[in-house]
Amino acid sequence: MDADAVARAFVEHYYRTFDTNRAGLAGLYQDNSMLSFEGAKTQGAAAITAKLTGLPFQQCQHNISTIDCQPSGPAGGVLVFVSGSLQLPGEQHALKFSQMFHLMPTPQASFYVLNDIFRLNYA
Protein backbone atom coordinates (compact mmCIF):
# COMPACT_ATOMS: atom_id res chain seq x y z
CA MET A 1 0.00 0.00 0.00
CA ASP A 2 1.26 3.46 -0.92
CA ALA A 3 0.14 5.66 2.00
CA ASP A 4 0.91 8.85 0.06
CA ALA A 5 -1.27 7.80 -2.88
CA VAL A 6 -4.11 6.78 -0.53
CA ALA A 7 -3.87 10.11 1.32
CA ARG A 8 -3.83 12.22 -1.84
CA ALA A 9 -6.78 10.36 -3.39
CA PHE A 10 -8.76 10.52 -0.15
CA VAL A 11 -8.13 14.25 0.40
CA GLU A 12 -9.11 15.11 -3.17
CA HIS A 13 -12.33 13.07 -2.91
CA TYR A 14 -13.25 14.25 0.61
CA TYR A 15 -12.94 17.99 0.01
CA ARG A 16 -14.46 17.89 -3.49
CA THR A 17 -17.46 16.05 -2.00
CA PHE A 18 -17.62 18.37 1.04
CA ASP A 19 -17.65 21.43 -1.21
CA THR A 20 -20.27 20.12 -3.67
CA ASN A 21 -22.46 17.52 -1.89
CA ARG A 22 -21.79 17.21 1.85
CA ALA A 23 -24.42 14.47 2.26
CA GLY A 24 -22.26 12.35 -0.06
CA LEU A 25 -19.66 12.04 2.72
CA ALA A 26 -21.91 9.58 4.60
CA GLY A 27 -20.33 6.57 2.90
CA LEU A 28 -16.89 7.48 4.24
CA TYR A 29 -17.92 6.93 7.87
CA GLN A 30 -19.13 3.87 9.82
CA ASP A 31 -20.95 3.37 13.12
CA ASN A 32 -17.68 3.33 15.06
CA SER A 33 -16.37 6.51 13.39
CA MET A 34 -15.84 9.62 15.52
CA LEU A 35 -15.69 13.29 14.53
CA SER A 36 -14.29 16.04 16.76
CA PHE A 37 -15.38 19.33 15.19
CA GLU A 38 -14.02 22.35 17.03
CA GLY A 39 -13.91 20.21 20.19
CA ALA A 40 -17.45 18.79 19.93
CA LYS A 41 -17.44 14.99 19.58
CA THR A 42 -19.94 13.12 17.39
CA GLN A 43 -20.01 9.35 16.84
CA GLY A 44 -21.54 7.23 14.10
CA ALA A 45 -22.02 7.74 10.37
CA ALA A 46 -25.56 9.15 10.63
CA ALA A 47 -24.71 11.61 13.41
CA ILE A 48 -21.52 12.76 11.67
CA THR A 49 -23.36 13.30 8.39
CA ALA A 50 -26.06 15.27 10.24
CA LYS A 51 -23.37 17.43 11.89
CA LEU A 52 -21.61 18.17 8.59
CA THR A 53 -24.77 18.84 6.59
CA GLY A 54 -26.11 21.02 9.43
CA LEU A 55 -23.20 23.47 9.41
CA PRO A 56 -24.39 27.09 9.06
CA PHE A 57 -23.22 27.51 5.46
CA GLN A 58 -24.33 25.79 2.28
CA GLN A 59 -21.36 26.50 0.06
CA CYS A 60 -17.63 26.69 0.65
CA GLN A 61 -14.33 26.14 -1.11
CA HIS A 62 -11.43 24.30 0.52
CA ASN A 63 -7.91 25.13 -0.66
CA ILE A 64 -5.40 22.54 0.52
CA SER A 65 -1.90 23.72 1.46
CA THR A 66 -0.31 20.55 2.85
CA ILE A 67 -1.03 16.83 3.14
CA ASP A 68 1.09 14.72 5.50
CA CYS A 69 0.53 11.03 6.07
CA GLN A 70 1.91 7.96 7.80
CA PRO A 71 1.04 4.27 7.72
CA SER A 72 -0.76 3.32 10.93
CA GLY A 73 -0.46 -0.05 12.62
CA PRO A 74 -0.60 -3.64 11.41
CA ALA A 75 -4.22 -3.36 10.19
CA GLY A 76 -3.12 -1.14 7.29
CA GLY A 77 -4.51 2.20 8.45
CA VAL A 78 -3.29 5.61 7.29
CA LEU A 79 -3.02 8.81 9.32
CA VAL A 80 -3.65 11.91 7.20
CA PHE A 81 -3.04 15.48 8.37
CA VAL A 82 -4.31 18.33 6.20
CA SER A 83 -3.86 22.08 6.46
CA GLY A 84 -5.39 24.72 4.27
CA SER A 85 -7.95 27.47 4.01
CA LEU A 86 -11.72 27.54 3.78
CA GLN A 87 -13.46 30.27 1.78
CA LEU A 88 -17.10 30.99 2.60
CA PRO A 89 -19.35 32.96 0.21
CA GLY A 90 -19.53 36.64 1.04
CA GLU A 91 -16.50 36.52 3.34
CA GLN A 92 -13.49 38.62 2.40
CA HIS A 93 -10.92 36.49 4.23
CA ALA A 94 -10.47 32.74 4.11
CA LEU A 95 -10.37 30.77 7.36
CA LYS A 96 -7.28 28.65 8.06
CA PHE A 97 -7.94 25.07 9.17
CA SER A 98 -6.25 21.81 10.13
CA GLN A 99 -7.86 18.39 9.88
CA MET A 100 -6.64 14.92 10.82
CA PHE A 101 -8.12 11.66 9.49
CA HIS A 102 -7.39 8.11 10.61
CA LEU A 103 -8.33 5.92 7.65
CA MET A 104 -8.91 2.21 8.12
CA PRO A 105 -9.14 -0.45 5.40
CA THR A 106 -12.45 -2.15 4.59
CA PRO A 107 -12.95 -5.73 3.36
CA GLN A 108 -13.88 -4.19 -0.02
CA ALA A 109 -10.27 -2.92 -0.44
CA SER A 110 -11.16 0.72 0.21
CA PHE A 111 -10.93 2.91 3.32
CA TYR A 112 -13.30 4.49 5.82
CA VAL A 113 -12.74 7.33 8.30
CA LEU A 114 -12.36 5.95 11.82
CA ASN A 115 -11.33 9.30 13.36
CA ASP A 116 -11.75 12.85 12.05
CA ILE A 117 -10.53 15.92 13.98
CA PHE A 118 -11.20 19.41 12.59
CA ARG A 119 -10.00 22.76 13.96
CA LEU A 120 -10.01 26.30 12.66
CA ASN A 121 -6.63 27.99 13.18
CA TYR A 122 -6.97 31.46 14.59
CA ALA A 123 -3.89 33.67 14.45
C-alpha atoms as a PDB file:
ATOM      1  CA  MET A   1       0.000   0.000   0.000  1.00  0.00           C
ATOM      2  CA  ASP A   2       1.264   3.463  -0.917  1.00  0.00           C
ATOM      3  CA  ALA A   3       0.136   5.660   1.996  1.00  0.00           C
ATOM      4  CA  ASP A   4       0.914   8.853   0.056  1.00  0.00           C
ATOM      5  CA  ALA A   5      -1.273   7.802  -2.876  1.00  0.00           C
ATOM      6  CA  VAL A   6      -4.108   6.780  -0.531  1.00  0.00           C
ATOM      7  CA  ALA A   7      -3.874  10.110   1.320  1.00  0.00           C
ATOM      8  CA  ARG A   8      -3.828  12.222  -1.845  1.00  0.00           C
ATOM      9  CA  ALA A   9      -6.781  10.360  -3.386  1.00  0.00           C
ATOM     10  CA  PHE A  10      -8.763  10.523  -0.149  1.00  0.00           C
ATOM     11  CA  VAL A  11      -8.131  14.251   0.395  1.00  0.00           C
ATOM     12  CA  GLU A  12      -9.115  15.106  -3.174  1.00  0.00           C
ATOM     13  CA  HIS A  13     -12.327  13.067  -2.909  1.00  0.00           C
ATOM     14  CA  TYR A  14     -13.247  14.249   0.612  1.00  0.00           C
ATOM     15  CA  TYR A  15     -12.939  17.995   0.011  1.00  0.00           C
ATOM     16  CA  ARG A  16     -14.463  17.888  -3.488  1.00  0.00           C
ATOM     17  CA  THR A  17     -17.460  16.053  -1.997  1.00  0.00           C
ATOM     18  CA  PHE A  18     -17.622  18.370   1.036  1.00  0.00           C
ATOM     19  CA  ASP A  19     -17.654  21.434  -1.212  1.00  0.00           C
ATOM     20  CA  THR A  20     -20.269  20.122  -3.668  1.00  0.00           C
ATOM     21  CA  ASN A  21     -22.459  17.517  -1.893  1.00  0.00           C
ATOM     22  CA  ARG A  22     -21.791  17.210   1.845  1.00  0.00           C
ATOM     23  CA  ALA A  23     -24.417  14.466   2.260  1.00  0.00           C
ATOM     24  CA  GLY A  24     -22.256  12.349  -0.060  1.00  0.00           C
ATOM     25  CA  LEU A  25     -19.665  12.040   2.717  1.00  0.00           C
ATOM     26  CA  ALA A  26     -21.906   9.576   4.599  1.00  0.00           C
ATOM     27  CA  GLY A  27     -20.327   6.567   2.905  1.00  0.00           C
ATOM     28  CA  LEU A  28     -16.885   7.477   4.241  1.00  0.00           C
ATOM     29  CA  TYR A  29     -17.924   6.926   7.866  1.00  0.00           C
ATOM     30  CA  GLN A  30     -19.135   3.870   9.818  1.00  0.00           C
ATOM     31  CA  ASP A  31     -20.954   3.366  13.119  1.00  0.00           C
ATOM     32  CA  ASN A  32     -17.676   3.326  15.062  1.00  0.00           C
ATOM     33  CA  SER A  33     -16.371   6.514  13.395  1.00  0.00           C
ATOM     34  CA  MET A  34     -15.838   9.620  15.524  1.00  0.00           C
ATOM     35  CA  LEU A  35     -15.686  13.290  14.529  1.00  0.00           C
ATOM     36  CA  SER A  36     -14.293  16.038  16.760  1.00  0.00           C
ATOM     37  CA  PHE A  37     -15.376  19.332  15.186  1.00  0.00           C
ATOM     38  CA  GLU A  38     -14.018  22.346  17.029  1.00  0.00           C
ATOM     39  CA  GLY A  39     -13.905  20.214  20.189  1.00  0.00           C
ATOM     40  CA  ALA A  40     -17.450  18.793  19.928  1.00  0.00           C
ATOM     41  CA  LYS A  41     -17.443  14.991  19.583  1.00  0.00           C
ATOM     42  CA  THR A  42     -19.937  13.119  17.389  1.00  0.00           C
ATOM     43  CA  GLN A  43     -20.012   9.347  16.837  1.00  0.00           C
ATOM     44  CA  GLY A  44     -21.544   7.232  14.101  1.00  0.00           C
ATOM     45  CA  ALA A  45     -22.019   7.741  10.374  1.00  0.00           C
ATOM     46  CA  ALA A  46     -25.558   9.152  10.626  1.00  0.00           C
ATOM     47  CA  ALA A  47     -24.713  11.608  13.413  1.00  0.00           C
ATOM     48  CA  ILE A  48     -21.519  12.756  11.674  1.00  0.00           C
ATOM     49  CA  THR A  49     -23.357  13.302   8.390  1.00  0.00           C
ATOM     50  CA  ALA A  50     -26.058  15.272  10.244  1.00  0.00           C
ATOM     51  CA  LYS A  51     -23.373  17.433  11.889  1.00  0.00           C
ATOM     52  CA  LEU A  52     -21.607  18.166   8.586  1.00  0.00           C
ATOM     53  CA  THR A  53     -24.772  18.839   6.592  1.00  0.00           C
ATOM     54  CA  GLY A  54     -26.109  21.021   9.433  1.00  0.00           C
ATOM     55  CA  LEU A  55     -23.202  23.465   9.408  1.00  0.00           C
ATOM     56  CA  PRO A  56     -24.393  27.088   9.063  1.00  0.00           C
ATOM     57  CA  PHE A  57     -23.222  27.515   5.459  1.00  0.00           C
ATOM     58  CA  GLN A  58     -24.335  25.791   2.280  1.00  0.00           C
ATOM     59  CA  GLN A  59     -21.364  26.495   0.059  1.00  0.00           C
ATOM     60  CA  CYS A  60     -17.632  26.688   0.649  1.00  0.00           C
ATOM     61  CA  GLN A  61     -14.329  26.145  -1.114  1.00  0.00           C
ATOM     62  CA  HIS A  62     -11.429  24.305   0.522  1.00  0.00           C
ATOM     63  CA  ASN A  63      -7.914  25.133  -0.660  1.00  0.00           C
ATOM     64  CA  ILE A  64      -5.405  22.541   0.516  1.00  0.00           C
ATOM     65  CA  SER A  65      -1.897  23.715   1.457  1.00  0.00           C
ATOM     66  CA  THR A  66      -0.307  20.548   2.853  1.00  0.00           C
ATOM     67  CA  ILE A  67      -1.029  16.831   3.138  1.00  0.00           C
ATOM     68  CA  ASP A  68       1.085  14.720   5.501  1.00  0.00           C
ATOM     69  CA  CYS A  69       0.527  11.026   6.073  1.00  0.00           C
ATOM     70  CA  GLN A  70       1.914   7.960   7.804  1.00  0.00           C
ATOM     71  CA  PRO A  71       1.043   4.269   7.716  1.00  0.00           C
ATOM     72  CA  SER A  72      -0.762   3.324  10.928  1.00  0.00           C
ATOM     73  CA  GLY A  73      -0.461  -0.053  12.623  1.00  0.00           C
ATOM     74  CA  PRO A  74      -0.605  -3.635  11.411  1.00  0.00           C
ATOM     75  CA  ALA A  75      -4.218  -3.360  10.194  1.00  0.00           C
ATOM     76  CA  GLY A  76      -3.118  -1.136   7.291  1.00  0.00           C
ATOM     77  CA  GLY A  77      -4.510   2.200   8.454  1.00  0.00           C
ATOM     78  CA  VAL A  78      -3.292   5.612   7.287  1.00  0.00           C
ATOM     79  CA  LEU A  79      -3.024   8.814   9.320  1.00  0.00           C
ATOM     80  CA  VAL A  80      -3.647  11.909   7.197  1.00  0.00           C
ATOM     81  CA  PHE A  81      -3.036  15.482   8.367  1.00  0.00           C
ATOM     82  CA  VAL A  82      -4.309  18.331   6.195  1.00  0.00           C
ATOM     83  CA  SER A  83      -3.859  22.082   6.457  1.00  0.00           C
ATOM     84  CA  GLY A  84      -5.389  24.725   4.270  1.00  0.00           C
ATOM     85  CA  SER A  85      -7.954  27.467   4.005  1.00  0.00           C
ATOM     86  CA  LEU A  86     -11.724  27.536   3.781  1.00  0.00           C
ATOM     87  CA  GLN A  87     -13.464  30.272   1.782  1.00  0.00           C
ATOM     88  CA  LEU A  88     -17.103  30.991   2.598  1.00  0.00           C
ATOM     89  CA  PRO A  89     -19.351  32.957   0.213  1.00  0.00           C
ATOM     90  CA  GLY A  90     -19.530  36.636   1.036  1.00  0.00           C
ATOM     91  CA  GLU A  91     -16.501  36.522   3.342  1.00  0.00           C
ATOM     92  CA  GLN A  92     -13.489  38.624   2.399  1.00  0.00           C
ATOM     93  CA  HIS A  93     -10.915  36.495   4.234  1.00  0.00           C
ATOM     94  CA  ALA A  94     -10.470  32.737   4.115  1.00  0.00           C
ATOM     95  CA  LEU A  95     -10.368  30.768   7.358  1.00  0.00           C
ATOM     96  CA  LYS A  96      -7.278  28.649   8.063  1.00  0.00           C
ATOM     97  CA  PHE A  97      -7.944  25.073   9.175  1.00  0.00           C
ATOM     98  CA  SER A  98      -6.252  21.815  10.128  1.00  0.00           C
ATOM     99  CA  GLN A  99      -7.860  18.385   9.880  1.00  0.00           C
ATOM    100  CA  MET A 100      -6.642  14.916  10.819  1.00  0.00           C
ATOM    101  CA  PHE A 101      -8.120  11.659   9.494  1.00  0.00           C
ATOM    102  CA  HIS A 102      -7.394   8.107  10.607  1.00  0.00           C
ATOM    103  CA  LEU A 103      -8.332   5.923   7.650  1.00  0.00           C
ATOM    104  CA  MET A 104      -8.908   2.208   8.121  1.00  0.00           C
ATOM    105  CA  PRO A 105      -9.144  -0.448   5.403  1.00  0.00           C
ATOM    106  CA  THR A 106     -12.447  -2.146   4.589  1.00  0.00           C
ATOM    107  CA  PRO A 107     -12.953  -5.727   3.362  1.00  0.00           C
ATOM    108  CA  GLN A 108     -13.882  -4.191  -0.017  1.00  0.00           C
ATOM    109  CA  ALA A 109     -10.274  -2.925  -0.436  1.00  0.00           C
ATOM    110  CA  SER A 110     -11.162   0.720   0.205  1.00  0.00           C
ATOM    111  CA  PHE A 111     -10.928   2.906   3.322  1.00  0.00           C
ATOM    112  CA  TYR A 112     -13.298   4.490   5.820  1.00  0.00           C
ATOM    113  CA  VAL A 113     -12.736   7.329   8.297  1.00  0.00           C
ATOM    114  CA  LEU A 114     -12.357   5.950  11.822  1.00  0.00           C
ATOM    115  CA  ASN A 115     -11.326   9.297  13.356  1.00  0.00           C
ATOM    116  CA  ASP A 116     -11.746  12.848  12.047  1.00  0.00           C
ATOM    117  CA  ILE A 117     -10.531  15.916  13.975  1.00  0.00           C
ATOM    118  CA  PHE A 118     -11.202  19.413  12.585  1.00  0.00           C
ATOM    119  CA  ARG A 119      -9.999  22.758  13.958  1.00  0.00           C
ATOM    120  CA  LEU A 120     -10.014  26.301  12.660  1.00  0.00           C
ATOM    121  CA  ASN A 121      -6.630  27.986  13.181  1.00  0.00           C
ATOM    122  CA  TYR A 122      -6.965  31.464  14.589  1.00  0.00           C
ATOM    123  CA  ALA A 123      -3.889  33.670  14.454  1.00  0.00           C
END
